[in-house]
Structure formats: structure tokens, C-alpha cells
């Protein structure tokens, strides 16, 4: 009898052990995954940005951008983004990296930490910054491509008279970090009409700026132009110099610069010799977003020749981008390229305009 009881007890214990192992083998991985998910959720929550307004409202989400003196914050609990005027923000906190620029030209990269004892003041990479003196705040990740902004647009127009048609393409990219701003662009035009030859024009350019102080910068510039109107097969301009921001904020800036450049010009007519010249250049650039409904950019550059007596060139561009819902825009662009002493028989001026729709990303 005792033997049977002991045998039954041993069998039951063995069965219970097998059952426990069975559930342990299945429940343990589930527990691990639940733990990982909870940890990820906690980390994700900890990485949320926190914005406190001057009225005491606390918003938790992700800072998307600060432009036109307005901070845009996306949240999980609202389908639409919150837009807060910059002067209504009392505190801002985020563990992400931001490029912060003040009105006096100071540029700092780091996380945003509030100073509890001081209102409308934040710590950026250990530096105390007063929020009213901040000109711009831009999310900036550590990877190269995350620091790029780009846009692309295309336009087409047609008129019944003379069957005139024009196709235009345009694009630009901007890279920013604590010490540098690198801008590249391209524009292309192709026109045709009855009883007239087809014409085309394309231009590619780059401007790289390295900040020396809060407002002064050194820059290099490259420009490549093809123009049927001026019979330019290729005009190459490479230069470098210095510049200064006379005015700079989150919604507009005015820059003035100058330097030296080398220009090489090749023409479509083989009888016209290739031309090399050394040039000085002085230019100004103005951008404003204070129009609210549109962004305006004006650029003018003058190139007096140092090696060809009495010659000078002038480039002017005008871009007006109307902001559409989402990241779409409508652009009106004007350009003018003037040469005071072109080869005999060639046009001194090349100008035009275009309308196009585009997308920022």
C-alpha cells in the first residue's frame, strides 16, 4: 500500500513538472517580448518632446519645425499638428539634436533642456539661451541625409498663338550643420514655337558657406550655364570669398558678400574663340517668409572683369514660392543674365520666367 502511494505521488510530481516546463517554455518568451515592448514604449515616451506655453499648457509630441515664428508639434492624440507662436512658448525640452541659432548669429547644436529657475530660457549643449532671442530651431539628426532639405518642381505652359510651348524643371538641396551651409540648385528650360528654332537653357550652381564668426562666413561658389540665347555651350565660373549676414532671423535674412572668380566660356559657334577671364564679384541675397502665404528669394551678383577692359556681367534671380497644403508649393521664377561685352553678333541679355508646381521634402 505504501509502495503504491509513493509510486502514485512520484508519477504525479513528474507530470506536474512536465506541465510546468510546458507552460514555462511558452509563457517565458511571451513575457520577454512583453518586457521588450514595454521597455521600447517607455524609451519612446521618454524621447518625446515637451513644450510648455506661457499659459501653462503642456504639450507632449515631436517638434517638426520652427518657421515663420511658429513651432509645429505633432502628437499621437491629435490628427492635426499643433501650431504655437514662438513668443507663446515658456519652456521646451527634447533629447533630440537641434540646430539653434540666435538673432546675434550664435549657432549651437545639442539637446534642449529647460532651466527650471528661469522662464523662457533653455540649455543647449550646456549653453544658456533665452527663447525670445532665438531666431530659428531646426531638428537635426547625426546622419548626413537627415540634415538635407530638398525641393523639386516642374512647369509647362502652352499658348495657341504661334504654338508656343515651354517646359521648365527646377530643384534645390540645402545641407546644414553647426558650422556650414551648403546649397545646390539646378534649373532647365526648353521652349519651342512655330517658324522658330527650339531653344534651351540649363544652369547648375553650388554655394558653400563656412561660418567664421556669428555673422561672418567664408564661401566657395561654382556655376555652370548653357544658353542657346547667348550661344553659350558652357560657361564655367568658380570663385571664393567672404560674406556677412547683415540681418538674420527665422523668417528672413539679408547677406552681402564678395570675392574673386575665374570664368571660362565656350560657344556653340566653333568660329568664336574660347574665352578665359579673371573676375571680382560682389553680391547680395535677400530671403523673407514674413509674407506668410509665400517665400521670397532675391539674388543679385555683379562680376566686373579684371582681365577684359570694360567688361562686366550681372546675374539676377527672383523666386516667389506660394505655400500650398502639405509640402506642395507654386513657384514663379524670373532670371536675367547680362554680359556687357559678348562676342560680336551675340545677345547681351538672356532673361525669362517660369511657373511651376513643386514639392518640398
Protein backbone atom coordinates (compact mmCIF):
# COMPACT_ATOMS: atom_id res chain seq x y z
CA UNK A 1 0.00 0.00 0.00
CA UNK A 2 2.75 2.43 0.96
CA UNK A 3 4.62 1.48 -2.16
CA UNK A 4 1.56 2.25 -4.37
CA UNK A 5 1.05 5.64 -2.71
CA UNK A 6 4.70 6.55 -3.18
CA UNK A 7 4.60 5.45 -6.80
CA UNK A 8 1.45 7.48 -7.49
CA UNK A 9 3.00 10.55 -5.79
CA UNK A 10 6.17 10.27 -7.88
CA UNK A 11 4.18 9.94 -11.10
CA UNK A 12 2.01 12.95 -10.22
CA UNK A 13 5.07 15.05 -9.38
CA UNK A 14 6.72 14.10 -12.67
CA UNK A 15 3.55 15.02 -14.56
CA UNK A 16 3.33 18.36 -12.79
CA UNK A 17 6.99 19.08 -13.65
CA UNK A 18 6.34 18.31 -17.30
CA UNK A 19 3.26 20.55 -17.25
CA UNK A 20 5.21 23.36 -15.58
CA UNK A 21 8.00 23.04 -18.15
CA UNK A 22 5.41 23.09 -20.93
CA UNK A 23 3.88 26.38 -19.80
CA UNK A 24 7.22 27.88 -18.86
CA UNK A 25 8.57 27.17 -22.33
CA UNK A 26 5.59 29.02 -23.84
CA UNK A 27 4.96 31.80 -21.37
CA UNK A 28 8.59 32.85 -20.85
CA UNK A 29 9.16 34.06 -24.46
CA UNK A 30 5.85 35.93 -24.32
CA UNK A 31 6.97 37.60 -21.13
CA UNK A 32 10.28 38.55 -22.72
CA UNK A 33 8.53 40.12 -25.72
CA UNK A 34 6.09 41.97 -23.47
CA UNK A 35 9.01 43.27 -21.45
CA UNK A 36 10.80 44.44 -24.58
CA UNK A 37 7.67 46.12 -25.88
CA UNK A 38 7.10 47.89 -22.57
CA UNK A 39 10.74 48.99 -22.49
CA UNK A 40 10.50 50.28 -26.08
CA UNK A 41 7.32 52.13 -25.23
CA UNK A 42 9.00 53.65 -22.19
CA UNK A 43 12.00 54.71 -24.28
CA UNK A 44 9.76 56.11 -27.00
CA UNK A 45 7.80 58.07 -24.41
CA UNK A 46 10.99 59.30 -22.80
CA UNK A 47 12.15 60.60 -26.20
CA UNK A 48 9.02 62.70 -26.67
CA UNK A 49 9.48 66.46 -26.84
CA UNK A 50 7.77 68.59 -24.19
CA UNK A 51 6.55 72.13 -24.87
CA UNK A 52 5.03 74.33 -22.16
CA UNK A 53 3.26 77.53 -23.18
CA UNK A 54 3.16 80.82 -21.31
CA UNK A 55 -0.44 80.00 -20.31
CA UNK A 56 0.73 76.80 -18.57
CA UNK A 57 -0.44 74.27 -21.18
CA UNK A 58 1.82 71.21 -21.50
CA UNK A 59 2.07 69.51 -24.90
CA UNK A 60 3.96 66.25 -25.48
CA UNK A 61 4.87 65.14 -29.00
CA UNK A 62 7.51 65.70 -31.66
CA UNK A 63 8.83 69.07 -32.77
CA UNK A 64 8.62 69.05 -36.56
CA UNK A 65 9.91 72.52 -37.41
CA UNK A 66 10.08 76.15 -36.41
CA UNK A 67 9.42 78.52 -39.29
CA UNK A 68 7.64 81.82 -39.79
CA UNK A 69 7.97 82.31 -35.97
CA UNK A 70 5.68 79.30 -35.43
CA UNK A 71 6.56 75.95 -33.80
CA UNK A 72 4.84 72.89 -35.30
CA UNK A 73 4.33 69.94 -32.93
CA UNK A 74 2.90 66.56 -33.97
CA UNK A 75 1.21 64.38 -31.31
CA UNK A 76 -0.20 60.87 -31.03
CA UNK A 77 -3.51 62.13 -29.66
CA UNK A 78 -4.40 64.52 -32.49
CA UNK A 79 -4.74 64.01 -36.24
CA UNK A 80 -3.64 67.59 -36.92
CA UNK A 81 -0.40 69.23 -35.81
CA UNK A 82 -0.34 71.91 -33.14
CA UNK A 83 0.99 75.29 -34.26
CA UNK A 84 2.24 77.55 -31.48
CA UNK A 85 3.59 81.07 -31.87
CA UNK A 86 7.20 81.19 -30.73
CA UNK A 87 6.57 84.08 -28.30
CA UNK A 88 3.92 81.95 -26.53
CA UNK A 89 6.43 79.25 -25.52
CA UNK A 90 7.72 79.31 -21.93
CA UNK A 91 9.68 76.03 -21.86
CA UNK A 92 10.94 73.47 -24.34
CA UNK A 93 12.59 70.09 -23.70
CA UNK A 94 13.89 67.36 -26.00
CA UNK A 95 16.65 64.75 -26.02
CA UNK A 96 16.93 65.00 -29.80
CA UNK A 97 19.54 67.11 -31.57
CA UNK A 98 18.62 70.62 -32.76
CA UNK A 99 20.42 73.41 -34.56
CA UNK A 100 19.60 76.57 -32.60
CA UNK A 101 20.51 80.00 -33.97
CA UNK A 102 20.11 83.30 -32.15
CA UNK A 103 19.49 86.74 -33.62
CA UNK A 104 23.12 87.74 -32.99
CA UNK A 105 24.32 84.80 -35.12
CA UNK A 106 25.24 82.25 -32.45
CA UNK A 107 24.79 78.67 -33.72
CA UNK A 108 24.57 75.74 -31.26
CA UNK A 109 23.83 72.04 -31.81
CA UNK A 110 22.50 69.92 -28.96
CA UNK A 111 19.54 68.72 -26.95
CA UNK A 112 17.08 71.18 -25.39
CA UNK A 113 16.90 71.30 -21.59
CA UNK A 114 14.66 73.70 -19.64
CA UNK A 115 16.05 75.86 -16.84
CA UNK A 116 13.53 75.49 -14.03
CA UNK A 117 14.60 78.61 -12.16
CA UNK A 118 14.46 80.81 -15.26
CA UNK A 119 11.45 81.26 -17.50
CA UNK A 120 11.72 81.32 -21.32
CA UNK A 121 15.31 80.10 -21.07
CA UNK A 122 16.78 76.79 -22.25
CA UNK A 123 20.06 74.92 -22.02
CA UNK A 124 21.50 73.89 -25.40
CA UNK A 125 24.70 71.82 -25.19
CA UNK A 126 25.45 73.46 -21.83
CA UNK A 127 24.84 76.99 -23.10
CA UNK A 128 22.03 79.10 -21.64
CA UNK A 129 19.85 80.64 -24.36
CA UNK A 130 16.89 82.95 -23.88
CA UNK A 131 13.97 81.84 -26.05
CA UNK A 132 12.99 85.38 -27.17
CA UNK A 133 16.50 85.76 -28.62
CA UNK A 134 16.25 82.52 -30.64
CA UNK A 135 15.96 83.15 -34.38
CA UNK A 136 15.47 79.54 -35.52
CA UNK A 137 15.26 75.99 -34.18
CA UNK A 138 15.70 73.09 -36.57
CA UNK A 139 15.66 69.36 -35.77
CA UNK A 140 18.98 67.96 -36.92
CA UNK A 141 19.97 64.32 -36.67
CA UNK A 142 23.51 62.98 -36.71
CA UNK A 143 23.28 61.26 -40.11
CA UNK A 144 24.17 63.20 -43.28
CA UNK A 145 20.92 62.67 -45.19
CA UNK A 146 18.74 63.67 -42.24
CA UNK A 147 20.30 67.16 -42.44
CA UNK A 148 19.23 67.70 -46.04
CA UNK A 149 16.22 69.71 -47.21
CA UNK A 150 15.22 69.49 -50.84
CA UNK A 151 12.60 70.62 -53.31
CA UNK A 152 11.69 69.78 -56.90
CA UNK A 153 9.27 71.49 -59.28
CA UNK A 154 8.07 71.18 -62.86
CA UNK A 155 6.11 73.55 -65.08
CA UNK A 156 4.55 73.51 -68.54
CA UNK A 157 2.88 76.28 -70.50
CA UNK A 158 1.36 76.49 -73.98
CA UNK A 159 -0.20 79.30 -75.99
CA UNK A 160 -2.24 78.87 -79.15
CA UNK A 161 -0.60 81.82 -80.86
CA UNK A 162 2.49 80.56 -82.71
CA UNK A 163 2.03 77.21 -80.87
CA UNK A 164 4.46 78.43 -78.21
CA UNK A 165 5.37 75.82 -75.59
CA UNK A 166 7.72 75.87 -72.61
CA UNK A 167 8.82 73.13 -70.22
CA UNK A 168 10.72 74.01 -67.05
CA UNK A 169 12.36 71.92 -64.34
CA UNK A 170 13.91 73.09 -61.09
CA UNK A 171 15.34 71.72 -57.88
CA UNK A 172 17.47 72.57 -54.86
CA UNK A 173 19.07 70.95 -51.82
CA UNK A 174 20.31 72.56 -48.59
CA UNK A 175 22.61 70.92 -46.05
CA UNK A 176 23.05 72.49 -42.60
CA UNK A 177 25.16 71.77 -39.57
CA UNK A 178 26.67 73.83 -36.78
CA UNK A 179 29.41 75.43 -38.91
CA UNK A 180 28.32 75.02 -42.54
CA UNK A 181 25.51 75.70 -45.00
CA UNK A 182 25.77 74.10 -48.45
CA UNK A 183 23.22 74.99 -51.15
CA UNK A 184 22.94 73.40 -54.60
CA UNK A 185 20.38 74.11 -57.33
CA UNK A 186 19.53 73.42 -60.96
CA UNK A 187 17.14 74.96 -63.47
CA UNK A 188 16.31 73.84 -67.00
CA UNK A 189 14.10 75.44 -69.68
CA UNK A 190 13.09 74.28 -73.12
CA UNK A 191 10.97 76.42 -75.47
CA UNK A 192 9.57 75.95 -78.93
CA UNK A 193 7.21 77.73 -81.29
CA UNK A 194 6.19 77.51 -84.92
CA UNK A 195 8.50 79.07 -87.51
CA UNK A 196 11.29 79.41 -84.92
CA UNK A 197 14.09 77.15 -83.73
CA UNK A 198 13.82 75.39 -80.40
CA UNK A 199 15.81 76.93 -77.57
CA UNK A 200 17.06 75.52 -74.30
CA UNK A 201 18.81 76.75 -71.21
CA UNK A 202 20.10 74.99 -68.11
CA UNK A 203 22.06 76.10 -65.08
CA UNK A 204 23.65 74.25 -62.16
CA UNK A 205 25.12 76.02 -59.16
CA UNK A 206 26.53 75.49 -55.68
CA UNK A 207 27.31 77.83 -52.79
CA UNK A 208 29.15 76.53 -49.72
CA UNK A 209 29.41 78.72 -46.61
CA UNK A 210 31.58 78.07 -43.55
CA UNK A 211 30.87 80.28 -40.54
CA UNK A 212 33.93 82.05 -39.16
CA UNK A 213 32.08 84.05 -36.51
CA UNK A 214 28.43 84.52 -35.64
CA UNK A 215 27.80 86.60 -38.76
CA UNK A 216 30.89 86.34 -40.98
CA UNK A 217 31.42 83.39 -43.31
CA UNK A 218 33.85 82.18 -45.97
CA UNK A 219 32.32 80.73 -49.10
CA UNK A 220 33.08 78.99 -52.36
CA UNK A 221 30.83 79.12 -55.41
CA UNK A 222 30.54 77.15 -58.65
CA UNK A 223 28.20 77.85 -61.55
CA UNK A 224 27.69 76.10 -64.89
CA UNK A 225 25.48 77.67 -67.57
CA UNK A 226 24.30 76.60 -71.02
CA UNK A 227 22.26 79.14 -73.02
CA UNK A 228 21.12 78.99 -76.65
CA UNK A 229 20.11 82.67 -76.47
CA UNK A 230 23.73 83.73 -75.84
CA UNK A 231 25.16 80.77 -77.81
CA UNK A 232 26.96 79.56 -74.71
CA UNK A 233 27.89 75.91 -74.95
CA UNK A 234 29.18 76.13 -71.36
CA UNK A 235 30.14 78.97 -69.06
CA UNK A 236 32.06 77.76 -66.00
CA UNK A 237 32.52 80.11 -63.04
CA UNK A 238 34.48 79.09 -59.95
CA UNK A 239 35.15 81.51 -57.12
CA UNK A 240 35.61 82.12 -53.44
CA UNK A 241 35.36 84.93 -50.96
CA UNK A 242 33.74 86.14 -47.76
CA UNK A 243 30.36 87.48 -46.70
CA UNK A 244 28.35 88.74 -43.79
CA UNK A 245 24.74 88.41 -42.68
CA UNK A 246 23.51 91.96 -42.15
CA UNK A 247 20.15 90.63 -40.96
CA UNK A 248 19.22 87.11 -39.94
CA UNK A 249 16.19 85.61 -38.22
CA UNK A 250 13.97 82.56 -38.54
CA UNK A 251 11.78 84.35 -41.09
CA UNK A 252 14.21 86.41 -43.16
CA UNK A 253 17.85 87.26 -43.82
CA UNK A 254 19.99 89.69 -45.81
CA UNK A 255 23.53 88.72 -46.81
CA UNK A 256 26.28 90.65 -48.60
CA UNK A 257 29.48 89.11 -49.93
CA UNK A 258 32.29 89.36 -52.45
CA UNK A 259 35.48 87.76 -53.70
CA UNK A 260 37.38 86.59 -56.78
CA UNK A 261 36.37 84.19 -59.57
CA UNK A 262 37.67 82.54 -62.73
CA UNK A 263 35.39 82.17 -65.77
CA UNK A 264 35.77 80.01 -68.86
CA UNK A 265 33.33 80.40 -71.78
CA UNK A 266 32.85 78.03 -74.68
CA UNK A 267 30.47 78.91 -77.51
CA UNK A 268 28.36 76.79 -79.83
CA UNK A 269 29.87 78.51 -82.89
CA UNK A 270 33.35 76.99 -83.49
CA UNK A 271 34.45 80.29 -85.03
CA UNK A 272 34.06 82.07 -81.70
CA UNK A 273 37.18 81.50 -79.59
CA UNK A 274 37.05 80.18 -76.05
CA UNK A 275 37.36 82.97 -73.51
CA UNK A 276 39.06 82.94 -70.08
CA UNK A 277 38.87 85.81 -67.63
CA UNK A 278 39.57 86.67 -64.01
CA UNK A 279 36.78 88.50 -62.26
CA UNK A 280 35.86 90.09 -58.98
CA UNK A 281 32.34 89.59 -57.72
CA UNK A 282 30.01 91.24 -55.24
CA UNK A 283 26.54 90.01 -54.48
CA UNK A 284 23.56 90.28 -52.21
CA UNK A 285 20.88 87.79 -51.23
CA UNK A 286 17.58 88.52 -49.51
CA UNK A 287 15.04 85.97 -48.25
CA UNK A 288 11.83 86.61 -46.37
CA UNK A 289 8.98 84.44 -45.11
CA UNK A 290 7.15 87.34 -43.49
CA UNK A 291 4.66 87.31 -46.36
CA UNK A 292 3.18 84.25 -44.54
CA UNK A 293 1.50 82.94 -47.70
CA UNK A 294 4.73 82.81 -49.73
CA UNK A 295 8.54 82.76 -49.52
CA UNK A 296 10.53 85.34 -51.48
CA UNK A 297 14.19 84.99 -52.51
CA UNK A 298 16.13 87.65 -54.42
CA UNK A 299 19.74 87.24 -55.58
CA UNK A 300 21.92 89.72 -57.48
CA UNK A 301 25.61 89.25 -58.34
CA UNK A 302 27.88 91.60 -60.29
CA UNK A 303 31.07 90.29 -61.97
CA UNK A 304 33.44 93.10 -63.13
CA UNK A 305 36.25 91.60 -65.23
CA UNK A 306 39.85 92.08 -64.10
CA UNK A 307 41.40 90.96 -67.40
CA UNK A 308 38.95 92.24 -70.09
CA UNK A 309 38.75 96.02 -70.05
CA UNK A 310 35.27 97.49 -69.70
CA UNK A 311 33.51 94.14 -69.37
CA UNK A 312 31.12 93.17 -66.59
CA UNK A 313 28.44 90.55 -66.11
CA UNK A 314 25.35 90.58 -63.91
CA UNK A 315 23.10 87.74 -62.73
CA UNK A 316 19.69 88.25 -61.15
CA UNK A 317 17.13 85.70 -59.94
CA UNK A 318 13.73 86.16 -58.34
CA UNK A 319 11.76 83.28 -56.80
CA UNK A 320 8.34 83.58 -55.21
CA UNK A 321 7.01 80.34 -53.72
CA UNK A 322 3.36 80.21 -52.70
CA UNK A 323 2.75 77.73 -49.88
CA UNK A 324 0.08 75.14 -50.70
CA UNK A 325 -1.45 72.50 -48.37
CA UNK A 326 1.04 69.88 -47.25
CA UNK A 327 4.56 70.33 -48.60
CA UNK A 328 3.42 71.49 -52.05
CA UNK A 329 4.14 74.92 -53.49
CA UNK A 330 3.60 77.01 -56.61
CA UNK A 331 6.67 78.92 -57.82
CA UNK A 332 7.04 81.98 -60.04
CA UNK A 333 10.65 82.38 -61.14
CA UNK A 334 12.45 85.14 -63.06
CA UNK A 335 16.05 85.22 -64.25
CA UNK A 336 18.29 87.66 -66.11
CA UNK A 337 21.86 87.06 -67.28
CA UNK A 338 23.61 90.16 -68.72
CA UNK A 339 27.00 90.46 -70.47
CA UNK A 340 28.22 93.96 -71.33
CA UNK A 341 30.70 92.75 -73.98
CA UNK A 342 29.64 89.48 -75.64
CA UNK A 343 31.30 88.27 -78.85
CA UNK A 344 30.24 90.21 -81.95
CA UNK A 345 26.74 89.38 -83.11
CA UNK A 346 25.66 87.59 -79.92
CA UNK A 347 22.96 88.67 -77.47
CA UNK A 348 23.92 90.71 -74.42
CA UNK A 349 20.88 89.62 -72.42
CA UNK A 350 19.24 86.31 -71.59
CA UNK A 351 16.10 86.54 -69.48
CA UNK A 352 12.92 84.58 -68.90
CA UNK A 353 10.28 83.47 -66.41
CA UNK A 354 8.51 80.26 -65.45
CA UNK A 355 5.55 78.98 -63.45
CA UNK A 356 5.81 75.57 -61.81
CA UNK A 357 4.38 73.29 -59.12
CA UNK A 358 6.76 71.65 -56.67
CA UNK A 359 7.18 69.52 -53.59
CA UNK A 360 9.43 70.04 -50.55
CA UNK A 361 10.86 67.01 -48.76
